[in-house]
């Protein structure tokens, strides 16, 4: 069994080799910690993933129910157009903040 907390157990991230933490760095450790019920450790690995996971799960649940019922995704089940821009802005700000010297958001 591979432990994502051991360096190199799942390979090396190209961006971390360059000294830059991408928005996904620490994501595998965060998912592992969430599946073990350790919310604090997950948040310290990748806070953005922990904050966005409930929304992603809710969207997946709505999509699954609608597909099961053979109903199209319309109305309240669709994602507003502005949310894509907001998500990209959030990811960009998170990336910049986690790469500042002494940043506590770094994995």
PDB file of N, CA and C in Angstrom:
ATOM      1  N   UNK A   1       0.845  -1.185   0.000  1.00  0.00           N
ATOM      2  CA  UNK A   1       0.000   0.000   0.000  1.00  0.00           C
ATOM      3  C   UNK A   1       0.886   1.243   0.000  1.00  0.00           C
ATOM      4  N   UNK A   2       0.569   2.180  -0.859  1.00  0.00           N
ATOM      5  CA  UNK A   2       1.347   3.407  -0.955  1.00  0.00           C
ATOM      6  C   UNK A   2       0.805   4.456   0.010  1.00  0.00           C
ATOM      7  N   UNK A   3       1.713   5.155   0.646  1.00  0.00           N
ATOM      8  CA  UNK A   3       1.339   6.215   1.574  1.00  0.00           C
ATOM      9  C   UNK A   3       1.688   7.548   0.929  1.00  0.00           C
ATOM     10  N   UNK A   4       0.682   8.395   0.621  1.00  0.00           N
ATOM     11  CA  UNK A   4       0.986   9.666  -0.029  1.00  0.00           C
ATOM     12  C   UNK A   4       1.791  10.625   0.854  1.00  0.00           C
ATOM     13  N   UNK A   5       1.921  10.306   2.134  1.00  0.00           N
ATOM     14  CA  UNK A   5       2.700  11.164   3.022  1.00  0.00           C
ATOM     15  C   UNK A   5       4.203  10.871   2.937  1.00  0.00           C
ATOM     16  N   UNK A   6       4.565   9.769   2.297  1.00  0.00           N
ATOM     17  CA  UNK A   6       5.983   9.454   2.080  1.00  0.00           C
ATOM     18  C   UNK A   6       6.434  10.083   0.780  1.00  0.00           C
ATOM     19  N   UNK A   7       7.497  10.836   0.816  1.00  0.00           N
ATOM     20  CA  UNK A   7       7.997  11.528  -0.376  1.00  0.00           C
ATOM     21  C   UNK A   7       8.337  10.526  -1.472  1.00  0.00           C
ATOM     22  N   UNK A   8       7.829  10.794  -2.677  1.00  0.00           N
ATOM     23  CA  UNK A   8       8.130   9.973  -3.828  1.00  0.00           C
ATOM     24  C   UNK A   8       7.323   8.705  -3.964  1.00  0.00           C
ATOM     25  N   UNK A   9       6.401   8.431  -3.045  1.00  0.00           N
ATOM     26  CA  UNK A   9       5.639   7.180  -3.115  1.00  0.00           C
ATOM     27  C   UNK A   9       4.713   7.147  -4.330  1.00  0.00           C
ATOM     28  N   UNK A  10       4.287   8.280  -4.812  1.00  0.00           N
ATOM     29  CA  UNK A  10       3.447   8.350  -6.007  1.00  0.00           C
ATOM     30  C   UNK A  10       4.147   9.113  -7.118  1.00  0.00           C
ATOM     31  N   UNK A  11       5.460   9.241  -7.056  1.00  0.00           N
ATOM     32  CA  UNK A  11       6.187   9.995  -8.068  1.00  0.00           C
ATOM     33  C   UNK A  11       6.445  11.412  -7.603  1.00  0.00           C
ATOM     34  N   UNK A  12       6.980  12.188  -8.495  1.00  0.00           N
ATOM     35  CA  UNK A  12       7.305  13.570  -8.163  1.00  0.00           C
ATOM     36  C   UNK A  12       6.502  14.530  -9.024  1.00  0.00           C
ATOM     37  N   UNK A  13       6.050  15.589  -8.421  1.00  0.00           N
ATOM     38  CA  UNK A  13       5.299  16.623  -9.137  1.00  0.00           C
ATOM     39  C   UNK A  13       6.284  17.503  -9.895  1.00  0.00           C
ATOM     40  N   UNK A  14       6.091  17.691 -11.198  1.00  0.00           N
ATOM     41  CA  UNK A  14       7.023  18.512 -11.971  1.00  0.00           C
ATOM     42  C   UNK A  14       7.133  19.947 -11.466  1.00  0.00           C
ATOM     43  N   UNK A  15       6.020  20.524 -11.008  1.00  0.00           N
ATOM     44  CA  UNK A  15       6.087  21.907 -10.538  1.00  0.00           C
ATOM     45  C   UNK A  15       6.858  22.013  -9.221  1.00  0.00           C
ATOM     46  N   UNK A  16       6.729  21.013  -8.348  1.00  0.00           N
ATOM     47  CA  UNK A  16       7.482  21.084  -7.094  1.00  0.00           C
ATOM     48  C   UNK A  16       8.976  20.886  -7.335  1.00  0.00           C
ATOM     49  N   UNK A  17       9.329  20.158  -8.375  1.00  0.00           N
ATOM     50  CA  UNK A  17      10.749  20.022  -8.736  1.00  0.00           C
ATOM     51  C   UNK A  17      11.331  21.361  -9.152  1.00  0.00           C
ATOM     52  N   UNK A  18      10.466  22.239  -9.683  1.00  0.00           N
ATOM     53  CA  UNK A  18      10.898  23.585 -10.071  1.00  0.00           C
ATOM     54  C   UNK A  18      10.818  24.574  -8.915  1.00  0.00           C
ATOM     55  N   UNK A  19      10.340  24.101  -7.763  1.00  0.00           N
ATOM     56  CA  UNK A  19      10.245  24.961  -6.590  1.00  0.00           C
ATOM     57  C   UNK A  19       8.957  25.747  -6.500  1.00  0.00           C
ATOM     58  N   UNK A  20       7.942  25.338  -7.247  1.00  0.00           N
ATOM     59  CA  UNK A  20       6.650  26.030  -7.262  1.00  0.00           C
ATOM     60  C   UNK A  20       5.581  25.037  -6.831  1.00  0.00           C
ATOM     61  N   UNK A  21       4.730  25.446  -5.901  1.00  0.00           N
ATOM     62  CA  UNK A  21       3.611  24.610  -5.465  1.00  0.00           C
ATOM     63  C   UNK A  21       2.412  24.916  -6.353  1.00  0.00           C
ATOM     64  N   UNK A  22       1.966  23.942  -7.128  1.00  0.00           N
ATOM     65  CA  UNK A  22       0.787  24.141  -7.964  1.00  0.00           C
ATOM     66  C   UNK A  22      -0.464  24.032  -7.094  1.00  0.00           C
ATOM     67  N   UNK A  23      -1.648  24.396  -7.598  1.00  0.00           N
ATOM     68  CA  UNK A  23      -2.848  24.304  -6.770  1.00  0.00           C
ATOM     69  C   UNK A  23      -3.211  22.868  -6.401  1.00  0.00           C
ATOM     70  N   UNK A  24      -2.705  21.895  -7.131  1.00  0.00           N
ATOM     71  CA  UNK A  24      -3.007  20.505  -6.830  1.00  0.00           C
ATOM     72  C   UNK A  24      -2.024  19.843  -5.894  1.00  0.00           C
ATOM     73  N   UNK A  25      -0.881  20.477  -5.646  1.00  0.00           N
ATOM     74  CA  UNK A  25       0.121  19.875  -4.764  1.00  0.00           C
ATOM     75  C   UNK A  25      -0.480  19.627  -3.382  1.00  0.00           C
ATOM     76  N   UNK A  26      -0.314  18.428  -2.891  1.00  0.00           N
ATOM     77  CA  UNK A  26      -0.872  18.045  -1.608  1.00  0.00           C
ATOM     78  C   UNK A  26      -2.282  17.511  -1.710  1.00  0.00           C
ATOM     79  N   UNK A  27      -2.843  17.499  -2.922  1.00  0.00           N
ATOM     80  CA  UNK A  27      -4.209  17.035  -3.103  1.00  0.00           C
ATOM     81  C   UNK A  27      -4.392  15.561  -2.780  1.00  0.00           C
ATOM     82  N   UNK A  28      -3.439  14.743  -3.184  1.00  0.00           N
ATOM     83  CA  UNK A  28      -3.538  13.314  -2.899  1.00  0.00           C
ATOM     84  C   UNK A  28      -3.443  13.052  -1.399  1.00  0.00           C
ATOM     85  N   UNK A  29      -2.559  13.785  -0.722  1.00  0.00           N
ATOM     86  CA  UNK A  29      -2.465  13.641   0.736  1.00  0.00           C
ATOM     87  C   UNK A  29      -3.761  14.107   1.397  1.00  0.00           C
ATOM     88  N   UNK A  30      -4.346  15.194   0.875  1.00  0.00           N
ATOM     89  CA  UNK A  30      -5.591  15.716   1.447  1.00  0.00           C
ATOM     90  C   UNK A  30      -6.733  14.721   1.284  1.00  0.00           C
ATOM     91  N   UNK A  31      -6.853  14.107   0.110  1.00  0.00           N
ATOM     92  CA  UNK A  31      -7.909  13.117  -0.104  1.00  0.00           C
ATOM     93  C   UNK A  31      -7.694  11.916   0.808  1.00  0.00           C
ATOM     94  N   UNK A  32      -6.446  11.488   0.949  1.00  0.00           N
ATOM     95  CA  UNK A  32      -6.139  10.375   1.849  1.00  0.00           C
ATOM     96  C   UNK A  32      -6.538  10.716   3.278  1.00  0.00           C
ATOM     97  N   UNK A  33      -6.204  11.917   3.722  1.00  0.00           N
ATOM     98  CA  UNK A  33      -6.561  12.329   5.079  1.00  0.00           C
ATOM     99  C   UNK A  33      -8.067  12.447   5.258  1.00  0.00           C
ATOM    100  N   UNK A  34      -8.774  12.946   4.229  1.00  0.00           N
ATOM    101  CA  UNK A  34     -10.229  13.049   4.320  1.00  0.00           C
ATOM    102  C   UNK A  34     -10.876  11.672   4.421  1.00  0.00           C
ATOM    103  N   UNK A  35     -10.366  10.703   3.661  1.00  0.00           N
ATOM    104  CA  UNK A  35     -10.944   9.364   3.729  1.00  0.00           C
ATOM    105  C   UNK A  35     -10.661   8.686   5.060  1.00  0.00           C
ATOM    106  N   UNK A  36      -9.668   9.183   5.783  1.00  0.00           N
ATOM    107  CA  UNK A  36      -9.382   8.660   7.118  1.00  0.00           C
ATOM    108  C   UNK A  36      -9.995   9.531   8.218  1.00  0.00           C
ATOM    109  N   UNK A  37     -10.770  10.544   7.821  1.00  0.00           N
ATOM    110  CA  UNK A  37     -11.473  11.376   8.781  1.00  0.00           C
ATOM    111  C   UNK A  37     -10.639  12.436   9.473  1.00  0.00           C
ATOM    112  N   UNK A  38      -9.473  12.738   8.942  1.00  0.00           N
ATOM    113  CA  UNK A  38      -8.587  13.729   9.561  1.00  0.00           C
ATOM    114  C   UNK A  38      -8.681  15.050   8.797  1.00  0.00           C
ATOM    115  N   UNK A  39      -9.666  15.850   9.145  1.00  0.00           N
ATOM    116  CA  UNK A  39      -9.937  17.101   8.443  1.00  0.00           C
ATOM    117  C   UNK A  39      -8.794  18.107   8.608  1.00  0.00           C
ATOM    118  N   UNK A  40      -8.216  18.193   9.786  1.00  0.00           N
ATOM    119  CA  UNK A  40      -7.127  19.152  10.018  1.00  0.00           C
ATOM    120  C   UNK A  40      -5.908  18.822   9.169  1.00  0.00           C
ATOM    121  N   UNK A  41      -5.545  17.553   9.097  1.00  0.00           N
ATOM    122  CA  UNK A  41      -4.390  17.162   8.273  1.00  0.00           C
ATOM    123  C   UNK A  41      -4.685  17.395   6.799  1.00  0.00           C
ATOM    124  N   UNK A  42      -5.921  17.135   6.388  1.00  0.00           N
ATOM    125  CA  UNK A  42      -6.297  17.368   4.994  1.00  0.00           C
ATOM    126  C   UNK A  42      -6.201  18.850   4.655  1.00  0.00           C
ATOM    127  N   UNK A  43      -6.680  19.702   5.549  1.00  0.00           N
ATOM    128  CA  UNK A  43      -6.618  21.141   5.316  1.00  0.00           C
ATOM    129  C   UNK A  43      -5.183  21.642   5.278  1.00  0.00           C
ATOM    130  N   UNK A  44      -4.300  21.037   6.044  1.00  0.00           N
ATOM    131  CA  UNK A  44      -2.911  21.479   6.016  1.00  0.00           C
ATOM    132  C   UNK A  44      -2.203  21.004   4.749  1.00  0.00           C
ATOM    133  N   UNK A  45      -2.706  19.955   4.101  1.00  0.00           N
ATOM    134  CA  UNK A  45      -2.116  19.476   2.856  1.00  0.00           C
ATOM    135  C   UNK A  45      -2.592  20.289   1.654  1.00  0.00           C
ATOM    136  N   UNK A  46      -3.891  20.537   1.567  1.00  0.00           N
ATOM    137  CA  UNK A  46      -4.432  21.324   0.462  1.00  0.00           C
ATOM    138  C   UNK A  46      -5.781  21.898   0.891  1.00  0.00           C
ATOM    139  N   UNK A  47      -5.757  23.119   1.382  1.00  0.00           N
ATOM    140  CA  UNK A  47      -6.955  23.771   1.899  1.00  0.00           C
ATOM    141  C   UNK A  47      -7.999  23.979   0.805  1.00  0.00           C
ATOM    142  N   UNK A  48      -7.557  24.316  -0.390  1.00  0.00           N
ATOM    143  CA  UNK A  48      -8.505  24.568  -1.477  1.00  0.00           C
ATOM    144  C   UNK A  48      -9.313  23.319  -1.796  1.00  0.00           C
ATOM    145  N   UNK A  49      -8.669  22.175  -1.848  1.00  0.00           N
ATOM    146  CA  UNK A  49      -9.371  20.923  -2.122  1.00  0.00           C
ATOM    147  C   UNK A  49     -10.398  20.637  -1.040  1.00  0.00           C
ATOM    148  N   UNK A  50     -10.029  20.849   0.207  1.00  0.00           N
ATOM    149  CA  UNK A  50     -10.949  20.589   1.320  1.00  0.00           C
ATOM    150  C   UNK A  50     -12.161  21.511   1.246  1.00  0.00           C
ATOM    151  N   UNK A  51     -11.948  22.764   0.863  1.00  0.00           N
ATOM    152  CA  UNK A  51     -13.059  23.709   0.786  1.00  0.00           C
ATOM    153  C   UNK A  51     -13.960  23.454  -0.415  1.00  0.00           C
ATOM    154  N   UNK A  52     -13.385  22.968  -1.527  1.00  0.00           N
ATOM    155  CA  UNK A  52     -14.177  22.751  -2.736  1.00  0.00           C
ATOM    156  C   UNK A  52     -14.785  21.357  -2.821  1.00  0.00           C
ATOM    157  N   UNK A  53     -14.331  20.422  -2.013  1.00  0.00           N
ATOM    158  CA  UNK A  53     -14.826  19.040  -2.078  1.00  0.00           C
ATOM    159  C   UNK A  53     -16.336  18.931  -1.843  1.00  0.00           C
ATOM    160  N   UNK A  54     -16.918  19.611  -0.854  1.00  0.00           N
ATOM    161  CA  UNK A  54     -18.376  19.485  -0.680  1.00  0.00           C
ATOM    162  C   UNK A  54     -19.171  19.967  -1.895  1.00  0.00           C
ATOM    163  N   UNK A  55     -18.732  21.054  -2.522  1.00  0.00           N
ATOM    164  CA  UNK A  55     -19.427  21.552  -3.714  1.00  0.00           C
ATOM    165  C   UNK A  55     -19.296  20.560  -4.864  1.00  0.00           C
ATOM    166  N   UNK A  56     -18.111  19.987  -5.035  1.00  0.00           N
ATOM    167  CA  UNK A  56     -17.899  19.009  -6.098  1.00  0.00           C
ATOM    168  C   UNK A  56     -18.751  17.762  -5.869  1.00  0.00           C
ATOM    169  N   UNK A  57     -18.834  17.315  -4.624  1.00  0.00           N
ATOM    170  CA  UNK A  57     -19.656  16.148  -4.310  1.00  0.00           C
ATOM    171  C   UNK A  57     -21.147  16.433  -4.527  1.00  0.00           C
ATOM    172  N   UNK A  58     -21.575  17.646  -4.188  1.00  0.00           N
ATOM    173  CA  UNK A  58     -22.980  18.013  -4.400  1.00  0.00           C
ATOM    174  C   UNK A  58     -23.309  18.048  -5.889  1.00  0.00           C
ATOM    175  N   UNK A  59     -22.424  18.635  -6.690  1.00  0.00           N
ATOM    176  CA  UNK A  59     -22.648  18.666  -8.136  1.00  0.00           C
ATOM    177  C   UNK A  59     -22.661  17.258  -8.720  1.00  0.00           C
ATOM    178  N   UNK A  60     -21.779  16.411  -8.249  1.00  0.00           N
ATOM    179  CA  UNK A  60     -21.743  15.026  -8.718  1.00  0.00           C
ATOM    180  C   UNK A  60     -23.027  14.289  -8.346  1.00  0.00           C
ATOM    181  N   UNK A  61     -23.528  14.539  -7.148  1.00  0.00           N
ATOM    182  CA  UNK A  61     -24.768  13.897  -6.713  1.00  0.00           C
ATOM    183  C   UNK A  61     -25.950  14.354  -7.569  1.00  0.00           C
ATOM    184  N   UNK A  62     -26.045  15.651  -7.843  1.00  0.00           N
ATOM    185  CA  UNK A  62     -27.128  16.169  -8.687  1.00  0.00           C
ATOM    186  C   UNK A  62     -27.029  15.580 -10.083  1.00  0.00           C
ATOM    187  N   UNK A  63     -25.819  15.567 -10.628  1.00  0.00           N
ATOM    188  CA  UNK A  63     -25.619  15.006 -11.963  1.00  0.00           C
ATOM    189  C   UNK A  63     -26.027  13.535 -12.008  1.00  0.00           C
ATOM    190  N   UNK A  64     -25.628  12.775 -10.993  1.00  0.00           N
ATOM    191  CA  UNK A  64     -25.933  11.343 -10.945  1.00  0.00           C
ATOM    192  C   UNK A  64     -27.440  11.102 -10.883  1.00  0.00           C
ATOM    193  N   UNK A  65     -28.131  11.827 -10.027  1.00  0.00           N
ATOM    194  CA  UNK A  65     -29.585  11.659  -9.896  1.00  0.00           C
ATOM    195  C   UNK A  65     -30.275  12.035 -11.205  1.00  0.00           C
ATOM    196  N   UNK A  66     -29.875  13.134 -11.793  1.00  0.00           N
ATOM    197  CA  UNK A  66     -30.504  13.569 -13.051  1.00  0.00           C
ATOM    198  C   UNK A  66     -30.252  12.573 -14.173  1.00  0.00           C
ATOM    199  N   UNK A  67     -29.042  12.036 -14.252  1.00  0.00           N
ATOM    200  CA  UNK A  67     -28.745  11.044 -15.292  1.00  0.00           C
ATOM    201  C   UNK A  67     -29.513   9.762 -15.033  1.00  0.00           C
ATOM    202  N   UNK A  68     -29.643   9.367 -13.783  1.00  0.00           N
ATOM    203  CA  UNK A  68     -30.379   8.156 -13.425  1.00  0.00           C
ATOM    204  C   UNK A  68     -31.844   8.287 -13.836  1.00  0.00           C
ATOM    205  N   UNK A  69     -32.376   9.502 -13.679  1.00  0.00           N
ATOM    206  CA  UNK A  69     -33.774   9.754 -14.031  1.00  0.00           C
ATOM    207  C   UNK A  69     -33.948  10.125 -15.499  1.00  0.00           C
ATOM    208  N   UNK A  70     -32.845  10.165 -16.250  1.00  0.00           N
ATOM    209  CA  UNK A  70     -32.851  10.538 -17.670  1.00  0.00           C
ATOM    210  C   UNK A  70     -33.416  11.931 -17.883  1.00  0.00           C
ATOM    211  N   UNK A  71     -33.123  12.817 -16.954  1.00  0.00           N
ATOM    212  CA  UNK A  71     -33.544  14.212 -17.078  1.00  0.00           C
ATOM    213  C   UNK A  71     -32.333  15.059 -17.436  1.00  0.00           C
ATOM    214  N   UNK A  72     -32.528  16.086 -18.253  1.00  0.00           N
ATOM    215  CA  UNK A  72     -31.394  16.956 -18.608  1.00  0.00           C
ATOM    216  C   UNK A  72     -31.011  17.862 -17.444  1.00  0.00           C
ATOM    217  N   UNK A  73     -29.762  18.335 -17.477  1.00  0.00           N
ATOM    218  CA  UNK A  73     -29.300  19.272 -16.455  1.00  0.00           C
ATOM    219  C   UNK A  73     -29.716  20.679 -16.859  1.00  0.00           C
ATOM    220  N   UNK A  74     -30.813  21.135 -16.274  1.00  0.00           N
ATOM    221  CA  UNK A  74     -31.292  22.487 -16.538  1.00  0.00           C
ATOM    222  C   UNK A  74     -31.743  23.125 -15.243  1.00  0.00           C
ATOM    223  N   UNK A  75     -31.875  24.430 -15.276  1.00  0.00           N
ATOM    224  CA  UNK A  75     -32.385  25.134 -14.106  1.00  0.00           C
ATOM    225  C   UNK A  75     -31.387  25.212 -12.974  1.00  0.00           C
ATOM    226  N   UNK A  76     -31.821  24.885 -11.776  1.00  0.00           N
ATOM    227  CA  UNK A  76     -30.976  25.027 -10.583  1.00  0.00           C
ATOM    228  C   UNK A  76     -29.803  24.059 -10.575  1.00  0.00           C
ATOM    229  N   UNK A  77     -29.872  23.018 -11.393  1.00  0.00           N
ATOM    230  CA  UNK A  77     -28.809  22.008 -11.380  1.00  0.00           C
ATOM    231  C   UNK A  77     -27.599  22.428 -12.208  1.00  0.00           C
ATOM    232  N   UNK A  78     -27.732  23.446 -13.028  1.00  0.00           N
ATOM    233  CA  UNK A  78     -26.604  23.869 -13.851  1.00  0.00           C
ATOM    234  C   UNK A  78     -25.742  24.866 -13.081  1.00  0.00           C
ATOM    235  N   UNK A  79     -24.514  24.959 -13.492  1.00  0.00           N
ATOM    236  CA  UNK A  79     -23.563  25.860 -12.851  1.00  0.00           C
ATOM    237  C   UNK A  79     -23.642  27.214 -13.553  1.00  0.00           C
ATOM    238  N   UNK A  80     -23.782  28.314 -12.815  1.00  0.00           N
ATOM    239  CA  UNK A  80     -23.838  29.635 -13.447  1.00  0.00           C
ATOM    240  C   UNK A  80     -22.544  29.941 -14.203  1.00  0.00           C
ATOM    241  N   UNK A  81     -22.659  30.699 -15.285  1.00  0.00           N
ATOM    242  CA  UNK A  81     -21.506  31.018 -16.125  1.00  0.00           C
ATOM    243  C   UNK A  81     -20.408  31.766 -15.383  1.00  0.00           C
ATOM    244  N   UNK A  82     -20.757  32.634 -14.466  1.00  0.00           N
ATOM    245  CA  UNK A  82     -19.753  33.418 -13.752  1.00  0.00           C
ATOM    246  C   UNK A  82     -18.912  32.559 -12.814  1.00  0.00           C
ATOM    247  N   UNK A  83     -19.440  31.381 -12.448  1.00  0.00           N
ATOM    248  CA  UNK A  83     -18.730  30.558 -11.465  1.00  0.00           C
ATOM    249  C   UNK A  83     -17.413  30.003 -12.006  1.00  0.00           C
ATOM    250  N   UNK A  84     -17.320  29.808 -13.311  1.00  0.00           N
ATOM    251  CA  UNK A  84     -16.073  29.312 -13.894  1.00  0.00           C
ATOM    252  C   UNK A  84     -14.978  30.359 -13.727  1.00  0.00           C
ATOM    253  N   UNK A  85     -15.291  31.608 -14.029  1.00  0.00           N
ATOM    254  CA  UNK A  85     -14.325  32.686 -13.839  1.00  0.00           C
ATOM    255  C   UNK A  85     -13.948  32.875 -12.383  1.00  0.00           C
ATOM    256  N   UNK A  86     -14.932  32.747 -11.512  1.00  0.00           N
ATOM    257  CA  UNK A  86     -14.661  32.877 -10.075  1.00  0.00           C
ATOM    258  C   UNK A  86     -13.768  31.744  -9.583  1.00  0.00           C
ATOM    259  N   UNK A  87     -14.015  30.535 -10.058  1.00  0.00           N
ATOM    260  CA  UNK A  87     -13.191  29.390  -9.664  1.00  0.00           C
ATOM    261  C   UNK A  87     -11.752  29.551 -10.163  1.00  0.00           C
ATOM    262  N   UNK A  88     -11.584  29.982 -11.402  1.00  0.00           N
ATOM    263  CA  UNK A  88     -10.235  30.195 -11.939  1.00  0.00           C
ATOM    264  C   UNK A  88      -9.499  31.293 -11.175  1.00  0.00           C
ATOM    265  N   UNK A  89     -10.214  32.341 -10.803  1.00  0.00           N
ATOM    266  CA  UNK A  89      -9.610  33.417 -10.010  1.00  0.00           C
ATOM    267  C   UNK A  89      -9.213  32.900  -8.628  1.00  0.00           C
ATOM    268  N   UNK A  90     -10.082  32.121  -8.009  1.00  0.00           N
ATOM    269  CA  UNK A  90      -9.785  31.543  -6.698  1.00  0.00           C
ATOM    270  C   UNK A  90      -8.548  30.647  -6.757  1.00  0.00           C
ATOM    271  N   UNK A  91      -8.460  29.815  -7.779  1.00  0.00           N
ATOM    272  CA  UNK A  91      -7.308  28.923  -7.934  1.00  0.00           C
ATOM    273  C   UNK A  91      -6.038  29.734  -8.155  1.00  0.00           C
ATOM    274  N   UNK A  92      -6.105  30.795  -8.953  1.00  0.00           N
ATOM    275  CA  UNK A  92      -4.928  31.641  -9.200  1.00  0.00           C
ATOM    276  C   UNK A  92      -4.472  32.329  -7.914  1.00  0.00           C
ATOM    277  N   UNK A  93      -5.412  32.873  -7.153  1.00  0.00           N
ATOM    278  CA  UNK A  93      -5.058  33.542  -5.893  1.00  0.00           C
ATOM    279  C   UNK A  93      -4.479  32.532  -4.901  1.00  0.00           C
ATOM    280  N   UNK A  94      -5.070  31.353  -4.822  1.00  0.00           N
ATOM    281  CA  UNK A  94      -4.561  30.300  -3.940  1.00  0.00           C
ATOM    282  C   UNK A  94      -3.131  29.918  -4.326  1.00  0.00           C
ATOM    283  N   UNK A  95      -2.886  29.794  -5.624  1.00  0.00           N
ATOM    284  CA  UNK A  95      -1.545  29.433  -6.097  1.00  0.00           C
ATOM    285  C   UNK A  95      -0.523  30.494  -5.724  1.00  0.00           C
ATOM    286  N   UNK A  96      -0.867  31.747  -5.904  1.00  0.00           N
ATOM    287  CA  UNK A  96       0.056  32.834  -5.549  1.00  0.00           C
ATOM    288  C   UNK A  96       0.295  32.852  -4.047  1.00  0.00           C
ATOM    289  N   UNK A  97      -0.765  32.730  -3.251  1.00  0.00           N
ATOM    290  CA  UNK A  97      -0.624  32.795  -1.795  1.00  0.00           C
ATOM    291  C   UNK A  97       0.203  31.638  -1.241  1.00  0.00           C
ATOM    292  N   UNK A  98       0.073  30.448  -1.819  1.00  0.00           N
ATOM    293  CA  UNK A  98       0.821  29.312  -1.279  1.00  0.00           C
ATOM    294  C   UNK A  98       2.280  29.324  -1.702  1.00  0.00           C
ATOM    295  N   UNK A  99       2.639  30.204  -2.660  1.00  0.00           N
ATOM    296  CA  UNK A  99       4.024  30.291  -3.105  1.00  0.00           C
ATOM    297  C   UNK A  99       4.754  31.509  -2.558  1.00  0.00           C
ATOM    298  N   UNK A 100       4.087  32.291  -1.722  1.00  0.00           N
ATOM    299  CA  UNK A 100       4.768  33.415  -1.082  1.00  0.00           C
ATOM    300  C   UNK A 100       5.756  32.885  -0.041  1.00  0.00           C
ATOM    301  N   UNK A 101       6.852  33.597   0.176  1.00  0.00           N
ATOM    302  CA  UNK A 101       7.826  33.139   1.175  1.00  0.00           C
ATOM    303  C   UNK A 101       7.164  33.000   2.558  1.00  0.00           C
ATOM    304  N   UNK A 102       7.361  31.861   3.196  1.00  0.00           N
ATOM    305  CA  UNK A 102       6.811  31.603   4.524  1.00  0.00           C
ATOM    306  C   UNK A 102       5.318  31.368   4.542  1.00  0.00           C
ATOM    307  N   UNK A 103       4.719  31.061   3.378  1.00  0.00           N
ATOM    308  CA  UNK A 103       3.268  30.880   3.291  1.00  0.00           C
ATOM    309  C   UNK A 103       2.835  29.639   4.075  1.00  0.00           C
ATOM    310  N   UNK A 104       1.769  29.780   4.844  1.00  0.00           N
ATOM    311  CA  UNK A 104       1.260  28.653   5.613  1.00  0.00           C
ATOM    312  C   UNK A 104       0.363  27.759   4.747  1.00  0.00           C
ATOM    313  N   UNK A 105       0.060  28.178   3.507  1.00  0.00           N
ATOM    314  CA  UNK A 105      -0.754  27.361   2.613  1.00  0.00           C
ATOM    315  C   UNK A 105       0.059  26.323   1.846  1.00  0.00           C
ATOM    316  N   UNK A 106       1.390  26.405   1.919  1.00  0.00           N
ATOM    317  CA  UNK A 106       2.230  25.434   1.216  1.00  0.00           C
ATOM    318  C   UNK A 106       2.029  24.057   1.838  1.00  0.00           C
ATOM    319  N   UNK A 107       2.013  23.013   0.996  1.00  0.00           N
ATOM    320  CA  UNK A 107       1.781  21.671   1.537  1.00  0.00           C
ATOM    321  C   UNK A 107       2.940  21.159   2.376  1.00  0.00           C
TER     322      UNK A 107
END
